[in-house]
Amino acid sequence: MEVINKIINYINCPNEYLQKAVKCVVEQTEKKGRSIRISAIFISNLIEMGHLRYENEIPQFLQDFITENISDKEVEKLNKIINTKGNSM
């Protein structure tokens, strides 16, 4: 995830590609605290940097990830970022 995050800062990646990458990350996240936090931070960074956008609504897999892990501090931050960046939840 760190490598992808750094690459994205140097190239213009299509939003569709980033959404697929995020889906893979979320699907591979084990129910372990560290994996959940790292995934949430990765997704938050993509959104904050303007690389990842959800124009109509958040995909179901991401809604499920947030709902299942909302007690994690980083997931809670991700949820706030999504709501404040104008992305509908």
C-alpha atoms as a PDB file:
ATOM      1  CA  MET A   1       0.000   0.000   0.000  1.00  0.00           C
ATOM      2  CA  GLU A   2       2.838   2.368   0.775  1.00  0.00           C
ATOM      3  CA  VAL A   3       4.377   1.846  -2.657  1.00  0.00           C
ATOM      4  CA  ILE A   4       1.050   2.414  -4.402  1.00  0.00           C
ATOM      5  CA  ASN A   5       0.515   5.535  -2.339  1.00  0.00           C
ATOM      6  CA  LYS A   6       3.923   6.939  -3.366  1.00  0.00           C
ATOM      7  CA  ILE A   7       3.474   6.048  -7.046  1.00  0.00           C
ATOM      8  CA  ILE A   8       0.095   7.741  -7.161  1.00  0.00           C
ATOM      9  CA  ASN A   9       1.719  11.001  -6.098  1.00  0.00           C
ATOM     10  CA  TYR A  10       3.844  10.981  -9.274  1.00  0.00           C
ATOM     11  CA  ILE A  11       1.429   9.709 -11.917  1.00  0.00           C
ATOM     12  CA  ASN A  12      -2.166  10.374 -12.831  1.00  0.00           C
ATOM     13  CA  CYS A  13      -4.002   7.151 -12.067  1.00  0.00           C
ATOM     14  CA  PRO A  14      -7.580   6.620 -13.295  1.00  0.00           C
ATOM     15  CA  ASN A  15     -10.178   6.691 -10.517  1.00  0.00           C
ATOM     16  CA  GLU A  16     -11.517   3.315 -11.678  1.00  0.00           C
ATOM     17  CA  TYR A  17      -8.105   1.719 -11.118  1.00  0.00           C
ATOM     18  CA  LEU A  18      -7.810   3.202  -7.646  1.00  0.00           C
ATOM     19  CA  GLN A  19     -11.287   1.993  -6.723  1.00  0.00           C
ATOM     20  CA  LYS A  20     -10.317  -1.549  -7.767  1.00  0.00           C
ATOM     21  CA  ALA A  21      -7.087  -1.306  -5.775  1.00  0.00           C
ATOM     22  CA  VAL A  22      -8.991  -0.132  -2.698  1.00  0.00           C
ATOM     23  CA  LYS A  23     -11.459  -2.991  -3.111  1.00  0.00           C
ATOM     24  CA  CYS A  24      -8.579  -5.482  -3.169  1.00  0.00           C
ATOM     25  CA  VAL A  25      -7.044  -3.919  -0.067  1.00  0.00           C
ATOM     26  CA  VAL A  26     -10.341  -4.029   1.831  1.00  0.00           C
ATOM     27  CA  GLU A  27     -11.063  -7.603   0.769  1.00  0.00           C
ATOM     28  CA  GLN A  28      -7.599  -8.755   1.856  1.00  0.00           C
ATOM     29  CA  THR A  29      -7.722  -6.979   5.208  1.00  0.00           C
ATOM     30  CA  GLU A  30      -7.761  -9.503   7.975  1.00  0.00           C
ATOM     31  CA  LYS A  31      -9.787  -8.852  11.080  1.00  0.00           C
ATOM     32  CA  LYS A  32      -6.676  -7.640  12.835  1.00  0.00           C
ATOM     33  CA  GLY A  33      -6.299  -4.187  14.253  1.00  0.00           C
ATOM     34  CA  ARG A  34      -3.105  -3.252  12.424  1.00  0.00           C
ATOM     35  CA  SER A  35      -4.388  -4.322   8.996  1.00  0.00           C
ATOM     36  CA  ILE A  36      -7.616  -2.425   9.513  1.00  0.00           C
ATOM     37  CA  ARG A  37      -5.796   0.728  10.613  1.00  0.00           C
ATOM     38  CA  ILE A  38      -3.299   0.611   7.755  1.00  0.00           C
ATOM     39  CA  SER A  39      -6.078   0.087   5.207  1.00  0.00           C
ATOM     40  CA  ALA A  40      -8.107   2.967   6.640  1.00  0.00           C
ATOM     41  CA  ILE A  41      -5.080   5.288   6.596  1.00  0.00           C
ATOM     42  CA  PHE A  42      -4.270   4.285   3.003  1.00  0.00           C
ATOM     43  CA  ILE A  43      -7.820   4.979   1.803  1.00  0.00           C
ATOM     44  CA  SER A  44      -7.990   8.244   3.775  1.00  0.00           C
ATOM     45  CA  ASN A  45      -4.746   9.462   2.185  1.00  0.00           C
ATOM     46  CA  LEU A  46      -6.018   8.671  -1.311  1.00  0.00           C
ATOM     47  CA  ILE A  47      -9.199  10.662  -0.662  1.00  0.00           C
ATOM     48  CA  GLU A  48      -7.466  13.594   1.050  1.00  0.00           C
ATOM     49  CA  MET A  49      -4.934  13.926  -1.757  1.00  0.00           C
ATOM     50  CA  GLY A  50      -7.747  13.989  -4.301  1.00  0.00           C
ATOM     51  CA  HIS A  51      -6.647  10.776  -6.002  1.00  0.00           C
ATOM     52  CA  LEU A  52      -9.736   8.765  -5.098  1.00  0.00           C
ATOM     53  CA  ARG A  53     -13.241  10.099  -5.612  1.00  0.00           C
ATOM     54  CA  TYR A  54     -16.653   8.600  -5.184  1.00  0.00           C
ATOM     55  CA  GLU A  55     -18.990  10.723  -7.236  1.00  0.00           C
ATOM     56  CA  ASN A  56     -22.342   9.069  -6.609  1.00  0.00           C
ATOM     57  CA  GLU A  57     -22.058   6.803  -3.621  1.00  0.00           C
ATOM     58  CA  ILE A  58     -19.541   4.804  -1.662  1.00  0.00           C
ATOM     59  CA  PRO A  59     -19.265   1.204  -2.935  1.00  0.00           C
ATOM     60  CA  GLN A  60     -20.882  -1.450  -0.770  1.00  0.00           C
ATOM     61  CA  PHE A  61     -17.566  -3.123   0.093  1.00  0.00           C
ATOM     62  CA  LEU A  62     -16.264   0.145   1.558  1.00  0.00           C
ATOM     63  CA  GLN A  63     -19.506   0.835   3.419  1.00  0.00           C
ATOM     64  CA  ASP A  64     -19.278  -2.672   4.901  1.00  0.00           C
ATOM     65  CA  PHE A  65     -15.632  -2.136   5.878  1.00  0.00           C
ATOM     66  CA  ILE A  66     -16.504   1.091   7.675  1.00  0.00           C
ATOM     67  CA  THR A  67     -19.588  -0.353   9.371  1.00  0.00           C
ATOM     68  CA  GLU A  68     -17.773  -3.471  10.580  1.00  0.00           C
ATOM     69  CA  ASN A  69     -14.760  -1.551  11.881  1.00  0.00           C
ATOM     70  CA  ILE A  70     -16.182   1.816  12.956  1.00  0.00           C
ATOM     71  CA  SER A  71     -14.887   1.270  16.501  1.00  0.00           C
ATOM     72  CA  ASP A  72     -11.325   1.626  15.168  1.00  0.00           C
ATOM     73  CA  LYS A  73     -10.051   5.195  15.469  1.00  0.00           C
ATOM     74  CA  GLU A  74      -8.622   5.300  11.932  1.00  0.00           C
ATOM     75  CA  VAL A  75     -11.816   3.904  10.386  1.00  0.00           C
ATOM     76  CA  GLU A  76     -13.797   6.542  12.243  1.00  0.00           C
ATOM     77  CA  LYS A  77     -11.471   9.192  10.758  1.00  0.00           C
ATOM     78  CA  LEU A  78     -11.964   7.657   7.297  1.00  0.00           C
ATOM     79  CA  ASN A  79     -15.723   7.900   7.735  1.00  0.00           C
ATOM     80  CA  LYS A  80     -15.437  11.590   8.678  1.00  0.00           C
ATOM     81  CA  ILE A  81     -13.146  12.285   5.714  1.00  0.00           C
ATOM     82  CA  ILE A  82     -15.585  10.658   3.330  1.00  0.00           C
ATOM     83  CA  ASN A  83     -18.449  12.704   4.734  1.00  0.00           C
ATOM     84  CA  THR A  84     -16.557  16.024   4.730  1.00  0.00           C
ATOM     85  CA  LYS A  85     -15.037  15.651   1.252  1.00  0.00           C
ATOM     86  CA  GLY A  86     -18.471  15.744  -0.303  1.00  0.00           C
ATOM     87  CA  ASN A  87     -18.648  12.031  -0.950  1.00  0.00           C
ATOM     88  CA  SER A  88     -22.040  10.579  -0.176  1.00  0.00           C
ATOM     89  CA  MET A  89     -22.179   7.650   2.201  1.00  0.00           C
END
